[in-house]
C-alpha cells in the first residue's frame, strides 16, 4: 500500500491461494499456503478476513458482507482500517486504488 494513499479509499482483496482457517474463521488461526506462515488473529481482523476474496471491494462493501447495510461511526471505521492495514502488512490481503 502506498503511504500517500488513504486506506479508506482503497479496494481490499486477496489474490493468492485460499487460506486454511481453524474450526471457525472467527477463532483467528489462519494458515497461509502462499507463505507457509500461521497467523493468530484477533476477532476483528479474522472477521474482516472472512469477508475478503479475490474481488476488490471498498470498506463499506466488506462491512455489508459481514453485518448487512450499516453506517460506521468514526471509531469503528478507524478500527476497521487499522485491522485491514495489519492484514496487509501480514501479506494476507492486498489493496489498490479504485
PDB file of N, CA and C in Angstrom:
ATOM      1  N   UNK A   1       0.847  -1.168   0.000  1.00  0.00           N
ATOM      2  CA  UNK A   1       0.000   0.000   0.000  1.00  0.00           C
ATOM      3  C   UNK A   1       0.890   1.227   0.000  1.00  0.00           C
ATOM      4  N   UNK A   2       0.533   2.191  -0.787  1.00  0.00           N
ATOM      5  CA  UNK A   2       1.273   3.431  -0.866  1.00  0.00           C
ATOM      6  C   UNK A   2       1.013   4.276   0.375  1.00  0.00           C
ATOM      7  N   UNK A   3       2.072   4.783   0.970  1.00  0.00           N
ATOM      8  CA  UNK A   3       1.937   5.570   2.190  1.00  0.00           C
ATOM      9  C   UNK A   3       1.163   6.865   1.956  1.00  0.00           C
ATOM     10  N   UNK A   4       1.143   7.358   0.702  1.00  0.00           N
ATOM     11  CA  UNK A   4       0.472   8.623   0.435  1.00  0.00           C
ATOM     12  C   UNK A   4      -1.000   8.445   0.086  1.00  0.00           C
ATOM     13  N   UNK A   5      -1.505   7.240   0.076  1.00  0.00           N
ATOM     14  CA  UNK A   5      -2.902   6.982  -0.255  1.00  0.00           C
ATOM     15  C   UNK A   5      -3.644   6.561   1.000  1.00  0.00           C
ATOM     16  N   UNK A   6      -4.753   7.190   1.241  1.00  0.00           N
ATOM     17  CA  UNK A   6      -5.543   6.887   2.435  1.00  0.00           C
ATOM     18  C   UNK A   6      -6.171   5.497   2.313  1.00  0.00           C
ATOM     19  N   UNK A   7      -6.017   4.649   3.319  1.00  0.00           N
ATOM     20  CA  UNK A   7      -6.530   3.278   3.245  1.00  0.00           C
ATOM     21  C   UNK A   7      -8.040   3.206   3.037  1.00  0.00           C
ATOM     22  N   UNK A   8      -8.796   4.189   3.554  1.00  0.00           N
ATOM     23  CA  UNK A   8     -10.250   4.135   3.408  1.00  0.00           C
ATOM     24  C   UNK A   8     -10.693   4.314   1.957  1.00  0.00           C
ATOM     25  N   UNK A   9      -9.804   4.769   1.096  1.00  0.00           N
ATOM     26  CA  UNK A   9     -10.129   4.955  -0.319  1.00  0.00           C
ATOM     27  C   UNK A   9      -9.766   3.742  -1.161  1.00  0.00           C
ATOM     28  N   UNK A  10      -9.113   2.775  -0.580  1.00  0.00           N
ATOM     29  CA  UNK A  10      -8.599   1.638  -1.334  1.00  0.00           C
ATOM     30  C   UNK A  10      -9.623   0.504  -1.416  1.00  0.00           C
ATOM     31  N   UNK A  11      -9.401  -0.387  -2.369  1.00  0.00           N
ATOM     32  CA  UNK A  11     -10.196  -1.609  -2.516  1.00  0.00           C
ATOM     33  C   UNK A  11      -9.363  -2.751  -1.944  1.00  0.00           C
ATOM     34  N   UNK A  12     -10.007  -3.634  -1.192  1.00  0.00           N
ATOM     35  CA  UNK A  12      -9.315  -4.691  -0.458  1.00  0.00           C
ATOM     36  C   UNK A  12      -9.669  -6.052  -1.040  1.00  0.00           C
ATOM     37  N   UNK A  13      -8.655  -6.938  -1.182  1.00  0.00           N
ATOM     38  CA  UNK A  13      -8.862  -8.251  -1.790  1.00  0.00           C
ATOM     39  C   UNK A  13      -7.712  -9.182  -1.419  1.00  0.00           C
ATOM     40  N   UNK A  14      -7.870 -10.451  -1.780  1.00  0.00           N
ATOM     41  CA  UNK A  14      -6.799 -11.438  -1.618  1.00  0.00           C
ATOM     42  C   UNK A  14      -6.582 -12.101  -2.968  1.00  0.00           C
ATOM     43  N   UNK A  15      -5.383 -11.927  -3.508  1.00  0.00           N
ATOM     44  CA  UNK A  15      -5.030 -12.511  -4.799  1.00  0.00           C
ATOM     45  C   UNK A  15      -3.932 -13.548  -4.577  1.00  0.00           C
ATOM     46  N   UNK A  16      -4.291 -14.606  -3.876  1.00  0.00           N
ATOM     47  CA  UNK A  16      -3.348 -15.669  -3.519  1.00  0.00           C
ATOM     48  C   UNK A  16      -4.168 -16.923  -3.234  1.00  0.00           C
ATOM     49  N   UNK A  17      -3.489 -18.064  -3.058  1.00  0.00           N
ATOM     50  CA  UNK A  17      -4.243 -19.284  -2.729  1.00  0.00           C
ATOM     51  C   UNK A  17      -5.120 -19.089  -1.490  1.00  0.00           C
ATOM     52  N   UNK A  18      -6.185 -19.845  -1.442  1.00  0.00           N
ATOM     53  CA  UNK A  18      -7.114 -19.762  -0.307  1.00  0.00           C
ATOM     54  C   UNK A  18      -6.385 -20.046   0.998  1.00  0.00           C
ATOM     55  N   UNK A  19      -6.808 -19.359   2.029  1.00  0.00           N
ATOM     56  CA  UNK A  19      -6.254 -19.565   3.361  1.00  0.00           C
ATOM     57  C   UNK A  19      -6.903 -20.774   4.012  1.00  0.00           C
ATOM     58  N   UNK A  20      -6.154 -21.451   4.838  1.00  0.00           N
ATOM     59  CA  UNK A  20      -6.709 -22.527   5.657  1.00  0.00           C
ATOM     60  C   UNK A  20      -6.998 -21.937   7.029  1.00  0.00           C
ATOM     61  N   UNK A  21      -8.240 -22.037   7.461  1.00  0.00           N
ATOM     62  CA  UNK A  21      -8.633 -21.466   8.748  1.00  0.00           C
ATOM     63  C   UNK A  21      -8.917 -22.575   9.743  1.00  0.00           C
ATOM     64  N   UNK A  22      -8.917 -22.207  11.011  1.00  0.00           N
ATOM     65  CA  UNK A  22      -9.228 -23.165  12.066  1.00  0.00           C
ATOM     66  C   UNK A  22     -10.668 -23.634  11.960  1.00  0.00           C
ATOM     67  N   UNK A  23     -11.203 -24.149  13.036  1.00  0.00           N
ATOM     68  CA  UNK A  23     -12.565 -24.683  13.032  1.00  0.00           C
ATOM     69  C   UNK A  23     -13.590 -23.646  12.604  1.00  0.00           C
ATOM     70  N   UNK A  24     -13.351 -22.395  12.924  1.00  0.00           N
ATOM     71  CA  UNK A  24     -14.236 -21.294  12.552  1.00  0.00           C
ATOM     72  C   UNK A  24     -13.353 -20.132  12.105  1.00  0.00           C
ATOM     73  N   UNK A  25     -13.796 -19.365  11.109  1.00  0.00           N
ATOM     74  CA  UNK A  25     -12.985 -18.209  10.708  1.00  0.00           C
ATOM     75  C   UNK A  25     -12.748 -17.237  11.861  1.00  0.00           C
ATOM     76  N   UNK A  26     -13.657 -17.240  12.843  1.00  0.00           N
ATOM     77  CA  UNK A  26     -13.529 -16.292  13.946  1.00  0.00           C
ATOM     78  C   UNK A  26     -12.569 -16.750  15.037  1.00  0.00           C
ATOM     79  N   UNK A  27     -12.083 -18.007  14.966  1.00  0.00           N
ATOM     80  CA  UNK A  27     -11.146 -18.417  16.007  1.00  0.00           C
ATOM     81  C   UNK A  27      -9.772 -17.783  15.800  1.00  0.00           C
ATOM     82  N   UNK A  28      -9.551 -17.207  14.610  1.00  0.00           N
ATOM     83  CA  UNK A  28      -8.354 -16.419  14.371  1.00  0.00           C
ATOM     84  C   UNK A  28      -7.116 -17.170  13.957  1.00  0.00           C
ATOM     85  N   UNK A  29      -7.166 -18.482  13.830  1.00  0.00           N
ATOM     86  CA  UNK A  29      -5.998 -19.244  13.394  1.00  0.00           C
ATOM     87  C   UNK A  29      -6.082 -19.405  11.877  1.00  0.00           C
ATOM     88  N   UNK A  30      -5.070 -18.867  11.188  1.00  0.00           N
ATOM     89  CA  UNK A  30      -5.068 -18.842   9.729  1.00  0.00           C
ATOM     90  C   UNK A  30      -3.715 -19.317   9.229  1.00  0.00           C
ATOM     91  N   UNK A  31      -3.727 -20.303   8.330  1.00  0.00           N
ATOM     92  CA  UNK A  31      -2.500 -20.754   7.669  1.00  0.00           C
ATOM     93  C   UNK A  31      -2.509 -20.232   6.246  1.00  0.00           C
ATOM     94  N   UNK A  32      -1.432 -19.573   5.857  1.00  0.00           N
ATOM     95  CA  UNK A  32      -1.297 -19.029   4.510  1.00  0.00           C
ATOM     96  C   UNK A  32      -0.393 -19.942   3.689  1.00  0.00           C
ATOM     97  N   UNK A  33      -0.961 -20.724   2.766  1.00  0.00           N
ATOM     98  CA  UNK A  33      -0.135 -21.630   1.976  1.00  0.00           C
ATOM     99  C   UNK A  33       0.832 -20.904   1.048  1.00  0.00           C
ATOM    100  N   UNK A  34       0.560 -19.651   0.728  1.00  0.00           N
ATOM    101  CA  UNK A  34       1.456 -18.889  -0.142  1.00  0.00           C
ATOM    102  C   UNK A  34       2.786 -18.590   0.546  1.00  0.00           C
ATOM    103  N   UNK A  35       2.761 -18.420   1.879  1.00  0.00           N
ATOM    104  CA  UNK A  35       3.979 -18.088   2.612  1.00  0.00           C
ATOM    105  C   UNK A  35       4.434 -19.192   3.561  1.00  0.00           C
ATOM    106  N   UNK A  36       3.531 -20.128   3.858  1.00  0.00           N
ATOM    107  CA  UNK A  36       3.841 -21.171   4.828  1.00  0.00           C
ATOM    108  C   UNK A  36       3.739 -20.707   6.268  1.00  0.00           C
ATOM    109  N   UNK A  37       3.171 -19.528   6.487  1.00  0.00           N
ATOM    110  CA  UNK A  37       3.074 -18.970   7.827  1.00  0.00           C
ATOM    111  C   UNK A  37       1.689 -19.199   8.432  1.00  0.00           C
ATOM    112  N   UNK A  38       1.680 -19.384   9.749  1.00  0.00           N
ATOM    113  CA  UNK A  38       0.436 -19.449  10.502  1.00  0.00           C
ATOM    114  C   UNK A  38       0.287 -18.136  11.256  1.00  0.00           C
ATOM    115  N   UNK A  39      -0.909 -17.557  11.192  1.00  0.00           N
ATOM    116  CA  UNK A  39      -1.199 -16.283  11.837  1.00  0.00           C
ATOM    117  C   UNK A  39      -2.268 -16.508  12.907  1.00  0.00           C
ATOM    118  N   UNK A  40      -2.147 -15.779  13.998  1.00  0.00           N
ATOM    119  CA  UNK A  40      -3.127 -15.819  15.078  1.00  0.00           C
ATOM    120  C   UNK A  40      -3.739 -14.428  15.160  1.00  0.00           C
ATOM    121  N   UNK A  41      -4.974 -14.299  14.700  1.00  0.00           N
ATOM    122  CA  UNK A  41      -5.625 -13.002  14.559  1.00  0.00           C
ATOM    123  C   UNK A  41      -6.618 -12.735  15.674  1.00  0.00           C
ATOM    124  N   UNK A  42      -6.768 -11.472  16.004  1.00  0.00           N
ATOM    125  CA  UNK A  42      -7.842 -11.054  16.903  1.00  0.00           C
ATOM    126  C   UNK A  42      -9.165 -11.144  16.147  1.00  0.00           C
ATOM    127  N   UNK A  43     -10.264 -10.936  16.873  1.00  0.00           N
ATOM    128  CA  UNK A  43     -11.596 -11.144  16.301  1.00  0.00           C
ATOM    129  C   UNK A  43     -11.888 -10.246  15.098  1.00  0.00           C
ATOM    130  N   UNK A  44     -11.598  -8.952  15.185  1.00  0.00           N
ATOM    131  CA  UNK A  44     -11.929  -8.055  14.076  1.00  0.00           C
ATOM    132  C   UNK A  44     -11.158  -8.393  12.802  1.00  0.00           C
ATOM    133  N   UNK A  45      -9.836  -8.548  12.843  1.00  0.00           N
ATOM    134  CA  UNK A  45      -9.142  -8.937  11.616  1.00  0.00           C
ATOM    135  C   UNK A  45      -9.622 -10.286  11.063  1.00  0.00           C
ATOM    136  N   UNK A  46      -9.918 -11.237  11.943  1.00  0.00           N
ATOM    137  CA  UNK A  46     -10.414 -12.538  11.488  1.00  0.00           C
ATOM    138  C   UNK A  46     -11.765 -12.392  10.799  1.00  0.00           C
ATOM    139  N   UNK A  47     -12.636 -11.585  11.365  1.00  0.00           N
ATOM    140  CA  UNK A  47     -13.951 -11.360  10.777  1.00  0.00           C
ATOM    141  C   UNK A  47     -13.824 -10.679   9.420  1.00  0.00           C
ATOM    142  N   UNK A  48     -12.995  -9.649   9.333  1.00  0.00           N
ATOM    143  CA  UNK A  48     -12.782  -8.974   8.053  1.00  0.00           C
ATOM    144  C   UNK A  48     -12.199  -9.934   7.015  1.00  0.00           C
ATOM    145  N   UNK A  49     -11.215 -10.714   7.433  1.00  0.00           N
ATOM    146  CA  UNK A  49     -10.576 -11.645   6.506  1.00  0.00           C
ATOM    147  C   UNK A  49     -11.579 -12.645   5.946  1.00  0.00           C
ATOM    148  N   UNK A  50     -12.562 -13.026   6.753  1.00  0.00           N
ATOM    149  CA  UNK A  50     -13.570 -13.980   6.282  1.00  0.00           C
ATOM    150  C   UNK A  50     -14.460 -13.376   5.197  1.00  0.00           C
ATOM    151  N   UNK A  51     -14.463 -12.047   5.070  1.00  0.00           N
ATOM    152  CA  UNK A  51     -15.308 -11.389   4.066  1.00  0.00           C
ATOM    153  C   UNK A  51     -14.523 -10.988   2.819  1.00  0.00           C
ATOM    154  N   UNK A  52     -13.231 -11.238   2.799  1.00  0.00           N
ATOM    155  CA  UNK A  52     -12.380 -10.806   1.685  1.00  0.00           C
ATOM    156  C   UNK A  52     -12.077 -11.996   0.787  1.00  0.00           C
ATOM    157  N   UNK A  53     -12.264 -11.773  -0.520  1.00  0.00           N
ATOM    158  CA  UNK A  53     -11.911 -12.789  -1.514  1.00  0.00           C
ATOM    159  C   UNK A  53     -11.141 -12.104  -2.631  1.00  0.00           C
ATOM    160  N   UNK A  54     -11.170 -12.657  -3.822  1.00  0.00           N
ATOM    161  CA  UNK A  54     -10.400 -12.122  -4.936  1.00  0.00           C
ATOM    162  C   UNK A  54     -11.000 -10.902  -5.600  1.00  0.00           C
ATOM    163  N   UNK A  55     -12.200 -10.509  -5.201  1.00  0.00           N
ATOM    164  CA  UNK A  55     -12.845  -9.335  -5.781  1.00  0.00           C
ATOM    165  C   UNK A  55     -12.490  -8.096  -4.966  1.00  0.00           C
ATOM    166  N   UNK A  56     -11.841  -7.111  -5.574  1.00  0.00           N
ATOM    167  CA  UNK A  56     -11.521  -5.884  -4.836  1.00  0.00           C
ATOM    168  C   UNK A  56     -12.794  -5.160  -4.394  1.00  0.00           C
ATOM    169  N   UNK A  57     -12.874  -4.851  -3.095  1.00  0.00           N
ATOM    170  CA  UNK A  57     -14.073  -4.208  -2.533  1.00  0.00           C
ATOM    171  C   UNK A  57     -13.674  -3.078  -1.590  1.00  0.00           C
ATOM    172  N   UNK A  58     -14.489  -2.011  -1.554  1.00  0.00           N
ATOM    173  CA  UNK A  58     -14.243  -0.945  -0.575  1.00  0.00           C
ATOM    174  C   UNK A  58     -14.656  -1.403   0.820  1.00  0.00           C
ATOM    175  N   UNK A  59     -14.258  -0.640   1.807  1.00  0.00           N
ATOM    176  CA  UNK A  59     -14.563  -0.979   3.195  1.00  0.00           C
ATOM    177  C   UNK A  59     -16.059  -1.162   3.409  1.00  0.00           C
ATOM    178  N   UNK A  60     -16.875  -0.268   2.869  1.00  0.00           N
ATOM    179  CA  UNK A  60     -18.331  -0.359   3.076  1.00  0.00           C
ATOM    180  C   UNK A  60     -18.876  -1.691   2.576  1.00  0.00           C
ATOM    181  N   UNK A  61     -18.374  -2.182   1.457  1.00  0.00           N
ATOM    182  CA  UNK A  61     -18.854  -3.464   0.931  1.00  0.00           C
ATOM    183  C   UNK A  61     -18.415  -4.626   1.815  1.00  0.00           C
ATOM    184  N   UNK A  62     -17.216  -4.549   2.379  1.00  0.00           N
ATOM    185  CA  UNK A  62     -16.762  -5.605   3.293  1.00  0.00           C
ATOM    186  C   UNK A  62     -17.633  -5.648   4.534  1.00  0.00           C
ATOM    187  N   UNK A  63     -17.915  -4.481   5.082  1.00  0.00           N
ATOM    188  CA  UNK A  63     -18.766  -4.406   6.275  1.00  0.00           C
ATOM    189  C   UNK A  63     -20.159  -4.938   5.954  1.00  0.00           C
ATOM    190  N   UNK A  64     -20.679  -4.591   4.796  1.00  0.00           N
ATOM    191  CA  UNK A  64     -22.016  -5.067   4.415  1.00  0.00           C
ATOM    192  C   UNK A  64     -22.045  -6.584   4.273  1.00  0.00           C
ATOM    193  N   UNK A  65     -20.959  -7.180   3.796  1.00  0.00           N
ATOM    194  CA  UNK A  65     -20.899  -8.644   3.684  1.00  0.00           C
ATOM    195  C   UNK A  65     -20.969  -9.298   5.062  1.00  0.00           C
ATOM    196  N   UNK A  66     -20.479  -8.611   6.085  1.00  0.00           N
ATOM    197  CA  UNK A  66     -20.454  -9.152   7.440  1.00  0.00           C
ATOM    198  C   UNK A  66     -21.746  -8.839   8.189  1.00  0.00           C
ATOM    199  N   UNK A  67     -22.166  -7.565   8.150  1.00  0.00           N
ATOM    200  CA  UNK A  67     -23.236  -7.098   9.037  1.00  0.00           C
ATOM    201  C   UNK A  67     -24.465  -6.572   8.313  1.00  0.00           C
ATOM    202  N   UNK A  68     -24.477  -6.649   6.987  1.00  0.00           N
ATOM    203  CA  UNK A  68     -25.584  -6.056   6.254  1.00  0.00           C
ATOM    204  C   UNK A  68     -25.371  -4.552   6.149  1.00  0.00           C
ATOM    205  N   UNK A  69     -26.315  -3.858   5.520  1.00  0.00           N
ATOM    206  CA  UNK A  69     -26.163  -2.409   5.364  1.00  0.00           C
ATOM    207  C   UNK A  69     -26.106  -1.712   6.721  1.00  0.00           C
ATOM    208  N   UNK A  70     -25.063  -0.957   6.933  1.00  0.00           N
ATOM    209  CA  UNK A  70     -24.905  -0.246   8.200  1.00  0.00           C
ATOM    210  C   UNK A  70     -23.989   0.945   8.009  1.00  0.00           C
ATOM    211  N   UNK A  71     -24.185   1.957   8.803  1.00  0.00           N
ATOM    212  CA  UNK A  71     -23.305   3.127   8.813  1.00  0.00           C
ATOM    213  C   UNK A  71     -22.269   2.933   9.916  1.00  0.00           C
ATOM    214  N   UNK A  72     -21.035   3.263   9.617  1.00  0.00           N
ATOM    215  CA  UNK A  72     -19.969   3.150  10.610  1.00  0.00           C
ATOM    216  C   UNK A  72     -19.704   4.500  11.247  1.00  0.00           C
ATOM    217  N   UNK A  73     -19.534   4.505  12.569  1.00  0.00           N
ATOM    218  CA  UNK A  73     -19.099   5.741  13.205  1.00  0.00           C
ATOM    219  C   UNK A  73     -17.584   5.858  13.036  1.00  0.00           C
ATOM    220  N   UNK A  74     -17.042   6.993  13.386  1.00  0.00           N
ATOM    221  CA  UNK A  74     -15.616   7.261  13.165  1.00  0.00           C
ATOM    222  C   UNK A  74     -14.721   6.255  13.893  1.00  0.00           C
ATOM    223  N   UNK A  75     -15.103   5.877  15.108  1.00  0.00           N
ATOM    224  CA  UNK A  75     -14.290   4.927  15.876  1.00  0.00           C
ATOM    225  C   UNK A  75     -14.267   3.550  15.216  1.00  0.00           C
ATOM    226  N   UNK A  76     -15.432   3.067  14.785  1.00  0.00           N
ATOM    227  CA  UNK A  76     -15.499   1.759  14.122  1.00  0.00           C
ATOM    228  C   UNK A  76     -14.708   1.783  12.819  1.00  0.00           C
ATOM    229  N   UNK A  77     -14.836   2.858  12.050  1.00  0.00           N
ATOM    230  CA  UNK A  77     -14.100   2.983  10.787  1.00  0.00           C
ATOM    231  C   UNK A  77     -12.596   2.947  11.041  1.00  0.00           C
ATOM    232  N   UNK A  78     -12.138   3.644  12.068  1.00  0.00           N
ATOM    233  CA  UNK A  78     -10.715   3.662  12.412  1.00  0.00           C
ATOM    234  C   UNK A  78     -10.233   2.264  12.799  1.00  0.00           C
ATOM    235  N   UNK A  79     -11.032   1.535  13.568  1.00  0.00           N
ATOM    236  CA  UNK A  79     -10.651   0.171  13.966  1.00  0.00           C
ATOM    237  C   UNK A  79     -10.591  -0.753  12.756  1.00  0.00           C
ATOM    238  N   UNK A  80     -11.541  -0.622  11.849  1.00  0.00           N
ATOM    239  CA  UNK A  80     -11.563  -1.476  10.655  1.00  0.00           C
ATOM    240  C   UNK A  80     -10.374  -1.163   9.758  1.00  0.00           C
ATOM    241  N   UNK A  81     -10.084   0.103   9.569  1.00  0.00           N
ATOM    242  CA  UNK A  81      -8.928   0.477   8.748  1.00  0.00           C
ATOM    243  C   UNK A  81      -7.647  -0.068   9.373  1.00  0.00           C
ATOM    244  N   UNK A  82      -7.505   0.052  10.680  1.00  0.00           N
ATOM    245  CA  UNK A  82      -6.328  -0.489  11.355  1.00  0.00           C
ATOM    246  C   UNK A  82      -6.198  -1.993  11.165  1.00  0.00           C
ATOM    247  N   UNK A  83      -7.317  -2.701  11.249  1.00  0.00           N
ATOM    248  CA  UNK A  83      -7.295  -4.154  11.064  1.00  0.00           C
ATOM    249  C   UNK A  83      -6.917  -4.510   9.623  1.00  0.00           C
ATOM    250  N   UNK A  84      -7.460  -3.784   8.651  1.00  0.00           N
ATOM    251  CA  UNK A  84      -7.127  -4.053   7.248  1.00  0.00           C
ATOM    252  C   UNK A  84      -5.656  -3.776   6.961  1.00  0.00           C
ATOM    253  N   UNK A  85      -5.152  -2.687   7.495  1.00  0.00           N
ATOM    254  CA  UNK A  85      -3.736  -2.362   7.295  1.00  0.00           C
ATOM    255  C   UNK A  85      -2.857  -3.442   7.923  1.00  0.00           C
ATOM    256  N   UNK A  86      -3.236  -3.945   9.088  1.00  0.00           N
ATOM    257  CA  UNK A  86      -2.436  -5.008   9.717  1.00  0.00           C
ATOM    258  C   UNK A  86      -2.498  -6.299   8.901  1.00  0.00           C
ATOM    259  N   UNK A  87      -3.662  -6.600   8.323  1.00  0.00           N
ATOM    260  CA  UNK A  87      -3.764  -7.777   7.449  1.00  0.00           C
ATOM    261  C   UNK A  87      -2.892  -7.610   6.208  1.00  0.00           C
ATOM    262  N   UNK A  88      -2.839  -6.397   5.691  1.00  0.00           N
ATOM    263  CA  UNK A  88      -1.997  -6.148   4.517  1.00  0.00           C
ATOM    264  C   UNK A  88      -0.519  -6.255   4.873  1.00  0.00           C
ATOM    265  N   UNK A  89      -0.140  -5.739   6.024  1.00  0.00           N
ATOM    266  CA  UNK A  89       1.264  -5.855   6.460  1.00  0.00           C
ATOM    267  C   UNK A  89       1.668  -7.309   6.640  1.00  0.00           C
ATOM    268  N   UNK A  90       0.719  -8.135   7.065  1.00  0.00           N
ATOM    269  CA  UNK A  90       0.982  -9.574   7.238  1.00  0.00           C
ATOM    270  C   UNK A  90       0.905 -10.324   5.906  1.00  0.00           C
ATOM    271  N   UNK A  91       0.636  -9.595   4.818  1.00  0.00           N
ATOM    272  CA  UNK A  91       0.521 -10.150   3.464  1.00  0.00           C
ATOM    273  C   UNK A  91      -0.618 -11.155   3.314  1.00  0.00           C
ATOM    274  N   UNK A  92      -1.679 -10.936   4.106  1.00  0.00           N
ATOM    275  CA  UNK A  92      -2.866 -11.790   3.982  1.00  0.00           C
ATOM    276  C   UNK A  92      -3.867 -11.200   3.019  1.00  0.00           C
ATOM    277  N   UNK A  93      -3.830  -9.877   2.812  1.00  0.00           N
ATOM    278  CA  UNK A  93      -4.692  -9.199   1.844  1.00  0.00           C
ATOM    279  C   UNK A  93      -3.850  -8.167   1.101  1.00  0.00           C
ATOM    280  N   UNK A  94      -4.446  -7.657   0.032  1.00  0.00           N
ATOM    281  CA  UNK A  94      -3.829  -6.587  -0.741  1.00  0.00           C
ATOM    282  C   UNK A  94      -4.835  -5.469  -0.891  1.00  0.00           C
ATOM    283  N   UNK A  95      -4.340  -4.324  -1.316  1.00  0.00           N
ATOM    284  CA  UNK A  95      -5.258  -3.218  -1.617  1.00  0.00           C
ATOM    285  C   UNK A  95      -4.743  -2.480  -2.834  1.00  0.00           C
ATOM    286  N   UNK A  96      -5.680  -1.765  -3.480  1.00  0.00           N
ATOM    287  CA  UNK A  96      -5.322  -0.951  -4.637  1.00  0.00           C
ATOM    288  C   UNK A  96      -6.317   0.190  -4.739  1.00  0.00           C
ATOM    289  N   UNK A  97      -5.947   1.160  -5.528  1.00  0.00           N
ATOM    290  CA  UNK A  97      -6.861   2.270  -5.778  1.00  0.00           C
ATOM    291  C   UNK A  97      -7.990   1.811  -6.689  1.00  0.00           C
ATOM    292  N   UNK A  98      -9.174   2.442  -6.563  1.00  0.00           N
ATOM    293  CA  UNK A  98     -10.295   2.079  -7.446  1.00  0.00           C
ATOM    294  C   UNK A  98      -9.986   2.395  -8.898  1.00  0.00           C
TER     295      UNK A  98
END
